[in-house]
């Protein structure tokens, strides 16, 4: 796994984290909820999405369309 960036902290130590990882030869952008296990270790949950990197430009375009730019 490459660098992780936490973009939102939720309650009980849960966070929404963005990172890039590879699975079966394909690199994915993950937007995933992480949680603290019983030992206090941070782990990824099944809650989230994994988007192939070749689809990231479409995600950027959708965000730009949906989120107004501040002036």
C-alpha atoms as a PDB file:
ATOM      1  CA  UNK A   1       0.000   0.000   0.000  1.00  0.00           C
ATOM      2  CA  UNK A   2       1.182   3.464  -0.846  1.00  0.00           C
ATOM      3  CA  UNK A   3       0.535   6.611   1.196  1.00  0.00           C
ATOM      4  CA  UNK A   4      -2.785   6.965   3.010  1.00  0.00           C
ATOM      5  CA  UNK A   5      -4.604  10.270   3.379  1.00  0.00           C
ATOM      6  CA  UNK A   6      -7.336  10.638   5.985  1.00  0.00           C
ATOM      7  CA  UNK A   7     -10.025  12.960   4.689  1.00  0.00           C
ATOM      8  CA  UNK A   8     -12.622  12.679   7.462  1.00  0.00           C
ATOM      9  CA  UNK A   9     -12.597  11.577  11.101  1.00  0.00           C
ATOM     10  CA  UNK A  10     -15.766   9.913  12.347  1.00  0.00           C
ATOM     11  CA  UNK A  11     -16.731   8.812  15.842  1.00  0.00           C
ATOM     12  CA  UNK A  12     -15.150   5.934  17.785  1.00  0.00           C
ATOM     13  CA  UNK A  13     -11.836   6.239  15.951  1.00  0.00           C
ATOM     14  CA  UNK A  14     -13.281   5.533  12.510  1.00  0.00           C
ATOM     15  CA  UNK A  15     -11.885   7.499   9.580  1.00  0.00           C
ATOM     16  CA  UNK A  16     -12.520   7.849   5.860  1.00  0.00           C
ATOM     17  CA  UNK A  17      -9.176   7.286   4.200  1.00  0.00           C
ATOM     18  CA  UNK A  18      -8.008   7.487   0.582  1.00  0.00           C
ATOM     19  CA  UNK A  19      -5.102   5.392  -0.674  1.00  0.00           C
ATOM     20  CA  UNK A  20      -3.817   3.448  -3.673  1.00  0.00           C
ATOM     21  CA  UNK A  21      -3.266  -0.299  -3.558  1.00  0.00           C
ATOM     22  CA  UNK A  22      -2.817  -3.092  -6.085  1.00  0.00           C
ATOM     23  CA  UNK A  23      -4.945  -6.224  -6.450  1.00  0.00           C
ATOM     24  CA  UNK A  24      -4.308  -8.920  -9.056  1.00  0.00           C
ATOM     25  CA  UNK A  25      -2.113  -6.634 -11.124  1.00  0.00           C
ATOM     26  CA  UNK A  26      -4.520  -3.679 -11.180  1.00  0.00           C
ATOM     27  CA  UNK A  27      -3.968  -0.524  -9.149  1.00  0.00           C
ATOM     28  CA  UNK A  28      -7.016   0.914  -7.391  1.00  0.00           C
ATOM     29  CA  UNK A  29      -7.886   4.153  -5.661  1.00  0.00           C
ATOM     30  CA  UNK A  30      -9.610   3.178  -2.404  1.00  0.00           C
ATOM     31  CA  UNK A  31     -11.997   5.459  -0.545  1.00  0.00           C
ATOM     32  CA  UNK A  32     -12.623   3.381   2.545  1.00  0.00           C
ATOM     33  CA  UNK A  33     -13.694   3.514   6.165  1.00  0.00           C
ATOM     34  CA  UNK A  34     -10.993   2.428   8.596  1.00  0.00           C
ATOM     35  CA  UNK A  35     -11.624   1.358  12.180  1.00  0.00           C
ATOM     36  CA  UNK A  36      -9.663   0.571  15.337  1.00  0.00           C
ATOM     37  CA  UNK A  37      -9.622  -3.129  16.223  1.00  0.00           C
ATOM     38  CA  UNK A  38      -9.732  -4.407  19.813  1.00  0.00           C
ATOM     39  CA  UNK A  39      -5.952  -3.910  20.101  1.00  0.00           C
ATOM     40  CA  UNK A  40      -6.194  -0.308  18.894  1.00  0.00           C
ATOM     41  CA  UNK A  41      -4.705  -1.084  15.467  1.00  0.00           C
ATOM     42  CA  UNK A  42      -6.161   0.793  12.483  1.00  0.00           C
ATOM     43  CA  UNK A  43      -7.594  -1.537   9.802  1.00  0.00           C
ATOM     44  CA  UNK A  44      -9.625  -1.096   6.594  1.00  0.00           C
ATOM     45  CA  UNK A  45     -13.274  -2.124   6.671  1.00  0.00           C
ATOM     46  CA  UNK A  46     -15.425  -3.479   3.852  1.00  0.00           C
ATOM     47  CA  UNK A  47     -17.259  -0.127   3.775  1.00  0.00           C
ATOM     48  CA  UNK A  48     -15.921   1.807   0.813  1.00  0.00           C
ATOM     49  CA  UNK A  49     -15.145   1.740  -2.861  1.00  0.00           C
ATOM     50  CA  UNK A  50     -12.167   0.652  -4.951  1.00  0.00           C
ATOM     51  CA  UNK A  51     -11.911   2.459  -8.283  1.00  0.00           C
ATOM     52  CA  UNK A  52      -9.410   1.389 -10.986  1.00  0.00           C
ATOM     53  CA  UNK A  53      -6.889   4.191 -11.518  1.00  0.00           C
ATOM     54  CA  UNK A  54      -7.921   4.573 -15.150  1.00  0.00           C
ATOM     55  CA  UNK A  55     -11.339   5.790 -13.885  1.00  0.00           C
ATOM     56  CA  UNK A  56      -9.956   8.496 -11.562  1.00  0.00           C
ATOM     57  CA  UNK A  57     -10.261  11.236 -14.206  1.00  0.00           C
ATOM     58  CA  UNK A  58     -14.001  10.461 -14.511  1.00  0.00           C
ATOM     59  CA  UNK A  59     -14.301  10.745 -10.717  1.00  0.00           C
ATOM     60  CA  UNK A  60     -12.491  14.107 -10.767  1.00  0.00           C
ATOM     61  CA  UNK A  61     -14.827  15.361 -13.502  1.00  0.00           C
ATOM     62  CA  UNK A  62     -17.893  14.221 -11.535  1.00  0.00           C
ATOM     63  CA  UNK A  63     -16.664  15.956  -8.375  1.00  0.00           C
ATOM     64  CA  UNK A  64     -15.937  19.154 -10.305  1.00  0.00           C
ATOM     65  CA  UNK A  65     -19.455  19.033 -11.755  1.00  0.00           C
ATOM     66  CA  UNK A  66     -21.161  18.349  -8.429  1.00  0.00           C
ATOM     67  CA  UNK A  67     -19.156  20.527  -6.065  1.00  0.00           C
ATOM     68  CA  UNK A  68     -19.280  24.258  -6.789  1.00  0.00           C
ATOM     69  CA  UNK A  69     -15.912  25.985  -6.859  1.00  0.00           C
ATOM     70  CA  UNK A  70     -15.401  28.675  -4.252  1.00  0.00           C
ATOM     71  CA  UNK A  71     -14.743  32.166  -5.535  1.00  0.00           C
END
